[in-house]
């Protein structure tokens, strides 16, 4: 398993993330199907797993976004009934 000696720049790492590549080596082929990711990078062996609390953050984000949308919709409904 080859590990690069120099660390990629922050911009390169962000680009690799947006193009679904390995954060360590930049290799592709990390997904078997659309939502099915391989457990390890085939080139450098980096193991991929979700961090503890991953779903908590996703849940909080969705609750805040949904609450904001519902609040905005109810404000529009209330203002349309006043006229």
PDB file of N, CA and C in Angstrom:
ATOM      1  N   UNK A   1       0.841  -1.172   0.000  1.00  0.00           N
ATOM      2  CA  UNK A   1       0.000   0.000   0.000  1.00  0.00           C
ATOM      3  C   UNK A   1       0.886   1.236   0.000  1.00  0.00           C
ATOM      4  N   UNK A   2       0.824   1.977  -1.061  1.00  0.00           N
ATOM      5  CA  UNK A   2       1.650   3.173  -1.190  1.00  0.00           C
ATOM      6  C   UNK A   2       0.976   4.359  -0.539  1.00  0.00           C
ATOM      7  N   UNK A   3       1.720   5.080   0.269  1.00  0.00           N
ATOM      8  CA  UNK A   3       1.236   6.293   0.908  1.00  0.00           C
ATOM      9  C   UNK A   3       2.063   7.456   0.394  1.00  0.00           C
ATOM     10  N   UNK A   4       1.429   8.518  -0.101  1.00  0.00           N
ATOM     11  CA  UNK A   4       2.198   9.639  -0.612  1.00  0.00           C
ATOM     12  C   UNK A   4       3.033  10.288   0.490  1.00  0.00           C
ATOM     13  N   UNK A   5       4.216  10.753   0.129  1.00  0.00           N
ATOM     14  CA  UNK A   5       5.100  11.358   1.128  1.00  0.00           C
ATOM     15  C   UNK A   5       4.714  12.793   1.424  1.00  0.00           C
ATOM     16  N   UNK A   6       4.180  13.515   0.442  1.00  0.00           N
ATOM     17  CA  UNK A   6       3.773  14.888   0.712  1.00  0.00           C
ATOM     18  C   UNK A   6       2.257  14.970   0.871  1.00  0.00           C
ATOM     19  N   UNK A   7       1.830  15.880   1.719  1.00  0.00           N
ATOM     20  CA  UNK A   7       0.411  16.046   2.003  1.00  0.00           C
ATOM     21  C   UNK A   7      -0.209  16.936   0.929  1.00  0.00           C
ATOM     22  N   UNK A   8      -1.378  16.557   0.385  1.00  0.00           N
ATOM     23  CA  UNK A   8      -2.014  17.403  -0.629  1.00  0.00           C
ATOM     24  C   UNK A   8      -2.510  18.714  -0.018  1.00  0.00           C
ATOM     25  N   UNK A   9      -2.638  19.729  -0.847  1.00  0.00           N
ATOM     26  CA  UNK A   9      -3.125  21.016  -0.368  1.00  0.00           C
ATOM     27  C   UNK A   9      -4.596  20.913   0.017  1.00  0.00           C
ATOM     28  N   UNK A  10      -5.060  21.896   0.747  1.00  0.00           N
ATOM     29  CA  UNK A  10      -6.460  21.910   1.190  1.00  0.00           C
ATOM     30  C   UNK A  10      -7.398  21.991  -0.016  1.00  0.00           C
ATOM     31  N   UNK A  11      -7.045  22.802  -0.986  1.00  0.00           N
ATOM     32  CA  UNK A  11      -7.874  22.928  -2.190  1.00  0.00           C
ATOM     33  C   UNK A  11      -7.955  21.630  -2.970  1.00  0.00           C
ATOM     34  N   UNK A  12      -6.833  20.941  -3.087  1.00  0.00           N
ATOM     35  CA  UNK A  12      -6.830  19.663  -3.800  1.00  0.00           C
ATOM     36  C   UNK A  12      -7.677  18.633  -3.060  1.00  0.00           C
ATOM     37  N   UNK A  13      -7.571  18.602  -1.741  1.00  0.00           N
ATOM     38  CA  UNK A  13      -8.371  17.669  -0.952  1.00  0.00           C
ATOM     39  C   UNK A  13      -9.860  17.968  -1.118  1.00  0.00           C
ATOM     40  N   UNK A  14     -10.239  19.248  -1.128  1.00  0.00           N
ATOM     41  CA  UNK A  14     -11.643  19.617  -1.335  1.00  0.00           C
ATOM     42  C   UNK A  14     -12.114  19.183  -2.728  1.00  0.00           C
ATOM     43  N   UNK A  15     -11.263  19.370  -3.750  1.00  0.00           N
ATOM     44  CA  UNK A  15     -11.621  18.958  -5.110  1.00  0.00           C
ATOM     45  C   UNK A  15     -11.821  17.453  -5.177  1.00  0.00           C
ATOM     46  N   UNK A  16     -10.919  16.715  -4.537  1.00  0.00           N
ATOM     47  CA  UNK A  16     -11.052  15.258  -4.518  1.00  0.00           C
ATOM     48  C   UNK A  16     -12.358  14.849  -3.850  1.00  0.00           C
ATOM     49  N   UNK A  17     -12.744  15.519  -2.790  1.00  0.00           N
ATOM     50  CA  UNK A  17     -14.005  15.211  -2.123  1.00  0.00           C
ATOM     51  C   UNK A  17     -15.206  15.481  -3.013  1.00  0.00           C
ATOM     52  N   UNK A  18     -15.181  16.611  -3.722  1.00  0.00           N
ATOM     53  CA  UNK A  18     -16.300  16.953  -4.599  1.00  0.00           C
ATOM     54  C   UNK A  18     -16.388  16.028  -5.813  1.00  0.00           C
ATOM     55  N   UNK A  19     -15.263  15.458  -6.220  1.00  0.00           N
ATOM     56  CA  UNK A  19     -15.266  14.545  -7.369  1.00  0.00           C
ATOM     57  C   UNK A  19     -15.255  13.080  -6.933  1.00  0.00           C
ATOM     58  N   UNK A  20     -15.590  12.829  -5.662  1.00  0.00           N
ATOM     59  CA  UNK A  20     -15.745  11.486  -5.108  1.00  0.00           C
ATOM     60  C   UNK A  20     -14.461  10.664  -5.205  1.00  0.00           C
ATOM     61  N   UNK A  21     -13.348  11.264  -4.802  1.00  0.00           N
ATOM     62  CA  UNK A  21     -12.060  10.581  -4.822  1.00  0.00           C
ATOM     63  C   UNK A  21     -11.534  10.431  -3.400  1.00  0.00           C
ATOM     64  N   UNK A  22     -10.548   9.593  -3.234  1.00  0.00           N
ATOM     65  CA  UNK A  22      -9.939   9.341  -1.929  1.00  0.00           C
ATOM     66  C   UNK A  22      -9.259  10.615  -1.418  1.00  0.00           C
ATOM     67  N   UNK A  23      -9.441  10.925  -0.152  1.00  0.00           N
ATOM     68  CA  UNK A  23      -8.851  12.134   0.444  1.00  0.00           C
ATOM     69  C   UNK A  23      -7.343  12.013   0.608  1.00  0.00           C
ATOM     70  N   UNK A  24      -6.834  10.822   0.695  1.00  0.00           N
ATOM     71  CA  UNK A  24      -5.397  10.627   0.900  1.00  0.00           C
ATOM     72  C   UNK A  24      -4.614  10.607  -0.410  1.00  0.00           C
ATOM     73  N   UNK A  25      -5.070   9.818  -1.402  1.00  0.00           N
ATOM     74  CA  UNK A  25      -4.274   9.635  -2.618  1.00  0.00           C
ATOM     75  C   UNK A  25      -4.927  10.184  -3.885  1.00  0.00           C
ATOM     76  N   UNK A  26      -6.231  10.498  -3.839  1.00  0.00           N
ATOM     77  CA  UNK A  26      -6.916  11.043  -5.005  1.00  0.00           C
ATOM     78  C   UNK A  26      -7.423  10.007  -5.977  1.00  0.00           C
ATOM     79  N   UNK A  27      -7.366   8.735  -5.620  1.00  0.00           N
ATOM     80  CA  UNK A  27      -7.827   7.664  -6.496  1.00  0.00           C
ATOM     81  C   UNK A  27      -9.355   7.659  -6.559  1.00  0.00           C
ATOM     82  N   UNK A  28      -9.888   7.270  -7.701  1.00  0.00           N
ATOM     83  CA  UNK A  28     -11.339   7.143  -7.862  1.00  0.00           C
ATOM     84  C   UNK A  28     -11.779   5.733  -7.530  1.00  0.00           C
ATOM     85  N   UNK A  29     -12.921   5.325  -8.045  1.00  0.00           N
ATOM     86  CA  UNK A  29     -13.477   3.975  -7.860  1.00  0.00           C
ATOM     87  C   UNK A  29     -13.755   3.672  -6.385  1.00  0.00           C
ATOM     88  N   UNK A  30     -14.345   4.624  -5.682  1.00  0.00           N
ATOM     89  CA  UNK A  30     -14.657   4.419  -4.268  1.00  0.00           C
ATOM     90  C   UNK A  30     -16.087   3.937  -4.039  1.00  0.00           C
ATOM     91  N   UNK A  31     -16.889   3.891  -5.105  1.00  0.00           N
ATOM     92  CA  UNK A  31     -18.281   3.482  -4.966  1.00  0.00           C
ATOM     93  C   UNK A  31     -18.560   2.269  -5.835  1.00  0.00           C
ATOM     94  N   UNK A  32     -19.229   1.270  -5.235  1.00  0.00           N
ATOM     95  CA  UNK A  32     -19.663   0.090  -6.002  1.00  0.00           C
ATOM     96  C   UNK A  32     -20.889   0.436  -6.832  1.00  0.00           C
ATOM     97  N   UNK A  33     -21.861   1.065  -6.160  1.00  0.00           N
ATOM     98  CA  UNK A  33     -23.075   1.560  -6.804  1.00  0.00           C
ATOM     99  C   UNK A  33     -23.257   3.002  -6.337  1.00  0.00           C
ATOM    100  N   UNK A  34     -24.376   3.599  -6.674  1.00  0.00           N
ATOM    101  CA  UNK A  34     -24.578   5.024  -6.390  1.00  0.00           C
ATOM    102  C   UNK A  34     -24.443   5.362  -4.904  1.00  0.00           C
ATOM    103  N   UNK A  35     -25.023   4.547  -4.020  1.00  0.00           N
ATOM    104  CA  UNK A  35     -24.960   4.818  -2.581  1.00  0.00           C
ATOM    105  C   UNK A  35     -24.144   3.785  -1.820  1.00  0.00           C
ATOM    106  N   UNK A  36     -23.407   2.939  -2.470  1.00  0.00           N
ATOM    107  CA  UNK A  36     -22.651   1.877  -1.813  1.00  0.00           C
ATOM    108  C   UNK A  36     -21.152   2.126  -1.967  1.00  0.00           C
ATOM    109  N   UNK A  37     -20.516   2.493  -0.871  1.00  0.00           N
ATOM    110  CA  UNK A  37     -19.102   2.835  -0.894  1.00  0.00           C
ATOM    111  C   UNK A  37     -18.254   1.626  -0.507  1.00  0.00           C
ATOM    112  N   UNK A  38     -17.065   1.533  -1.082  1.00  0.00           N
ATOM    113  CA  UNK A  38     -16.152   0.452  -0.720  1.00  0.00           C
ATOM    114  C   UNK A  38     -15.598   0.735   0.681  1.00  0.00           C
ATOM    115  N   UNK A  39     -15.255  -0.291   1.471  1.00  0.00           N
ATOM    116  CA  UNK A  39     -14.772  -0.050   2.836  1.00  0.00           C
ATOM    117  C   UNK A  39     -13.373   0.567   2.883  1.00  0.00           C
ATOM    118  N   UNK A  40     -12.528   0.264   1.890  1.00  0.00           N
ATOM    119  CA  UNK A  40     -11.153   0.765   1.870  1.00  0.00           C
ATOM    120  C   UNK A  40     -10.808   1.279   0.477  1.00  0.00           C
ATOM    121  N   UNK A  41      -9.925   2.268   0.411  1.00  0.00           N
ATOM    122  CA  UNK A  41      -9.454   2.766  -0.879  1.00  0.00           C
ATOM    123  C   UNK A  41      -8.668   1.652  -1.570  1.00  0.00           C
ATOM    124  N   UNK A  42      -8.957   1.370  -2.848  1.00  0.00           N
ATOM    125  CA  UNK A  42      -8.241   0.297  -3.536  1.00  0.00           C
ATOM    126  C   UNK A  42      -6.771   0.620  -3.789  1.00  0.00           C
ATOM    127  N   UNK A  43      -6.392   1.893  -3.751  1.00  0.00           N
ATOM    128  CA  UNK A  43      -5.008   2.268  -4.050  1.00  0.00           C
ATOM    129  C   UNK A  43      -4.140   2.391  -2.792  1.00  0.00           C
ATOM    130  N   UNK A  44      -4.615   3.154  -1.788  1.00  0.00           N
ATOM    131  CA  UNK A  44      -3.763   3.397  -0.614  1.00  0.00           C
ATOM    132  C   UNK A  44      -4.231   2.662   0.636  1.00  0.00           C
ATOM    133  N   UNK A  45      -5.437   2.072   0.625  1.00  0.00           N
ATOM    134  CA  UNK A  45      -5.919   1.300   1.752  1.00  0.00           C
ATOM    135  C   UNK A  45      -6.565   2.111   2.864  1.00  0.00           C
ATOM    136  N   UNK A  46      -6.827   3.415   2.645  1.00  0.00           N
ATOM    137  CA  UNK A  46      -7.481   4.240   3.668  1.00  0.00           C
ATOM    138  C   UNK A  46      -8.855   3.667   3.976  1.00  0.00           C
ATOM    139  N   UNK A  47      -9.126   3.424   5.248  1.00  0.00           N
ATOM    140  CA  UNK A  47     -10.404   2.849   5.664  1.00  0.00           C
ATOM    141  C   UNK A  47     -11.429   3.964   5.837  1.00  0.00           C
ATOM    142  N   UNK A  48     -12.602   3.792   5.236  1.00  0.00           N
ATOM    143  CA  UNK A  48     -13.668   4.788   5.305  1.00  0.00           C
ATOM    144  C   UNK A  48     -14.736   4.316   6.284  1.00  0.00           C
ATOM    145  N   UNK A  49     -15.063   5.174   7.242  1.00  0.00           N
ATOM    146  CA  UNK A  49     -16.166   4.895   8.154  1.00  0.00           C
ATOM    147  C   UNK A  49     -16.703   6.205   8.689  1.00  0.00           C
ATOM    148  N   UNK A  50     -17.960   6.201   9.078  1.00  0.00           N
ATOM    149  CA  UNK A  50     -18.569   7.413   9.618  1.00  0.00           C
ATOM    150  C   UNK A  50     -18.102   7.620  11.049  1.00  0.00           C
ATOM    151  N   UNK A  51     -17.955   8.884  11.408  1.00  0.00           N
ATOM    152  CA  UNK A  51     -17.542   9.195  12.769  1.00  0.00           C
ATOM    153  C   UNK A  51     -18.719   9.045  13.721  1.00  0.00           C
ATOM    154  N   UNK A  52     -18.403   8.878  14.995  1.00  0.00           N
ATOM    155  CA  UNK A  52     -19.446   8.778  16.007  1.00  0.00           C
ATOM    156  C   UNK A  52     -20.206  10.108  16.040  1.00  0.00           C
ATOM    157  N   UNK A  53     -21.517  10.042  16.068  1.00  0.00           N
ATOM    158  CA  UNK A  53     -22.342  11.241  16.080  1.00  0.00           C
ATOM    159  C   UNK A  53     -22.680  11.770  14.700  1.00  0.00           C
ATOM    160  N   UNK A  54     -22.340  11.046  13.655  1.00  0.00           N
ATOM    161  CA  UNK A  54     -22.614  11.499  12.287  1.00  0.00           C
ATOM    162  C   UNK A  54     -24.106  11.753  12.085  1.00  0.00           C
ATOM    163  N   UNK A  55     -24.934  10.818  12.496  1.00  0.00           N
ATOM    164  CA  UNK A  55     -26.375  10.953  12.268  1.00  0.00           C
ATOM    165  C   UNK A  55     -26.982  12.055  13.123  1.00  0.00           C
ATOM    166  N   UNK A  56     -26.377  12.368  14.263  1.00  0.00           N
ATOM    167  CA  UNK A  56     -26.885  13.438  15.108  1.00  0.00           C
ATOM    168  C   UNK A  56     -26.786  14.776  14.384  1.00  0.00           C
ATOM    169  N   UNK A  57     -25.661  15.020  13.734  1.00  0.00           N
ATOM    170  CA  UNK A  57     -25.492  16.259  12.983  1.00  0.00           C
ATOM    171  C   UNK A  57     -26.452  16.355  11.817  1.00  0.00           C
ATOM    172  N   UNK A  58     -26.643  15.251  11.108  1.00  0.00           N
ATOM    173  CA  UNK A  58     -27.571  15.238   9.978  1.00  0.00           C
ATOM    174  C   UNK A  58     -28.998  15.485  10.458  1.00  0.00           C
ATOM    175  N   UNK A  59     -29.368  14.899  11.585  1.00  0.00           N
ATOM    176  CA  UNK A  59     -30.701  15.090  12.140  1.00  0.00           C
ATOM    177  C   UNK A  59     -30.908  16.542  12.552  1.00  0.00           C
ATOM    178  N   UNK A  60     -29.917  17.131  13.214  1.00  0.00           N
ATOM    179  CA  UNK A  60     -30.028  18.524  13.647  1.00  0.00           C
ATOM    180  C   UNK A  60     -30.163  19.452  12.443  1.00  0.00           C
ATOM    181  N   UNK A  61     -29.362  19.226  11.418  1.00  0.00           N
ATOM    182  CA  UNK A  61     -29.441  20.065  10.209  1.00  0.00           C
ATOM    183  C   UNK A  61     -30.825  19.977   9.586  1.00  0.00           C
ATOM    184  N   UNK A  62     -31.363  18.772   9.451  1.00  0.00           N
ATOM    185  CA  UNK A  62     -32.684  18.603   8.842  1.00  0.00           C
ATOM    186  C   UNK A  62     -33.787  19.239   9.677  1.00  0.00           C
ATOM    187  N   UNK A  63     -33.684  19.136  11.003  1.00  0.00           N
ATOM    188  CA  UNK A  63     -34.703  19.740  11.864  1.00  0.00           C
ATOM    189  C   UNK A  63     -34.681  21.265  11.745  1.00  0.00           C
ATOM    190  N   UNK A  64     -33.491  21.853  11.706  1.00  0.00           N
ATOM    191  CA  UNK A  64     -33.378  23.314  11.584  1.00  0.00           C
ATOM    192  C   UNK A  64     -33.897  23.777  10.226  1.00  0.00           C
ATOM    193  N   UNK A  65     -33.524  23.071   9.161  1.00  0.00           N
ATOM    194  CA  UNK A  65     -33.977  23.451   7.821  1.00  0.00           C
ATOM    195  C   UNK A  65     -35.495  23.321   7.688  1.00  0.00           C
ATOM    196  N   UNK A  66     -36.056  22.234   8.181  1.00  0.00           N
ATOM    197  CA  UNK A  66     -37.500  22.032   8.104  1.00  0.00           C
ATOM    198  C   UNK A  66     -38.239  23.059   8.953  1.00  0.00           C
ATOM    199  N   UNK A  67     -37.725  23.329  10.147  1.00  0.00           N
ATOM    200  CA  UNK A  67     -38.343  24.343  11.008  1.00  0.00           C
ATOM    201  C   UNK A  67     -38.339  25.708  10.353  1.00  0.00           C
ATOM    202  N   UNK A  68     -37.241  26.055   9.697  1.00  0.00           N
ATOM    203  CA  UNK A  68     -37.164  27.342   9.005  1.00  0.00           C
ATOM    204  C   UNK A  68     -38.149  27.431   7.860  1.00  0.00           C
ATOM    205  N   UNK A  69     -38.284  26.361   7.096  1.00  0.00           N
ATOM    206  CA  UNK A  69     -39.238  26.361   5.985  1.00  0.00           C
ATOM    207  C   UNK A  69     -40.681  26.459   6.476  1.00  0.00           C
ATOM    208  N   UNK A  70     -41.004  25.712   7.530  1.00  0.00           N
ATOM    209  CA  UNK A  70     -42.366  25.756   8.062  1.00  0.00           C
ATOM    210  C   UNK A  70     -42.675  27.121   8.662  1.00  0.00           C
ATOM    211  N   UNK A  71     -41.698  27.721   9.333  1.00  0.00           N
ATOM    212  CA  UNK A  71     -41.902  29.041   9.913  1.00  0.00           C
ATOM    213  C   UNK A  71     -42.142  30.070   8.812  1.00  0.00           C
ATOM    214  N   UNK A  72     -41.369  29.979   7.746  1.00  0.00           N
ATOM    215  CA  UNK A  72     -41.523  30.911   6.636  1.00  0.00           C
ATOM    216  C   UNK A  72     -42.887  30.743   5.968  1.00  0.00           C
ATOM    217  N   UNK A  73     -43.313  29.490   5.809  1.00  0.00           N
ATOM    218  CA  UNK A  73     -44.611  29.234   5.179  1.00  0.00           C
ATOM    219  C   UNK A  73     -45.749  29.744   6.064  1.00  0.00           C
ATOM    220  N   UNK A  74     -45.660  29.508   7.377  1.00  0.00           N
ATOM    221  CA  UNK A  74     -46.731  29.968   8.265  1.00  0.00           C
ATOM    222  C   UNK A  74     -46.772  31.489   8.325  1.00  0.00           C
ATOM    223  N   UNK A  75     -45.628  32.151   8.216  1.00  0.00           N
ATOM    224  CA  UNK A  75     -45.600  33.606   8.199  1.00  0.00           C
ATOM    225  C   UNK A  75     -46.289  34.129   6.947  1.00  0.00           C
ATOM    226  N   UNK A  76     -46.040  33.493   5.815  1.00  0.00           N
ATOM    227  CA  UNK A  76     -46.703  33.906   4.577  1.00  0.00           C
ATOM    228  C   UNK A  76     -48.208  33.678   4.650  1.00  0.00           C
ATOM    229  N   UNK A  77     -48.622  32.559   5.223  1.00  0.00           N
ATOM    230  CA  UNK A  77     -50.053  32.282   5.344  1.00  0.00           C
ATOM    231  C   UNK A  77     -50.727  33.296   6.249  1.00  0.00           C
ATOM    232  N   UNK A  78     -50.103  33.629   7.361  1.00  0.00           N
ATOM    233  CA  UNK A  78     -50.681  34.601   8.300  1.00  0.00           C
ATOM    234  C   UNK A  78     -50.761  35.989   7.676  1.00  0.00           C
ATOM    235  N   UNK A  79     -49.764  36.383   6.898  1.00  0.00           N
ATOM    236  CA  UNK A  79     -49.790  37.723   6.290  1.00  0.00           C
ATOM    237  C   UNK A  79     -50.814  37.794   5.172  1.00  0.00           C
ATOM    238  N   UNK A  80     -51.103  36.691   4.483  1.00  0.00           N
ATOM    239  CA  UNK A  80     -52.084  36.717   3.392  1.00  0.00           C
ATOM    240  C   UNK A  80     -53.523  36.791   3.949  1.00  0.00           C
ATOM    241  N   UNK A  81     -53.759  36.323   5.170  1.00  0.00           N
ATOM    242  CA  UNK A  81     -55.094  36.368   5.765  1.00  0.00           C
ATOM    243  C   UNK A  81     -55.405  37.732   6.340  1.00  0.00           C
ATOM    244  N   UNK A  82     -54.431  38.563   6.582  1.00  0.00           N
ATOM    245  CA  UNK A  82     -54.647  39.878   7.192  1.00  0.00           C
ATOM    246  C   UNK A  82     -55.170  40.874   6.179  1.00  0.00           C
ATOM    247  N   UNK A  83     -54.973  40.682   4.921  1.00  0.00           N
ATOM    248  CA  UNK A  83     -55.369  41.690   3.931  1.00  0.00           C
ATOM    249  C   UNK A  83     -56.810  41.594   3.537  1.00  0.00           C
TER     250      UNK A  83
END
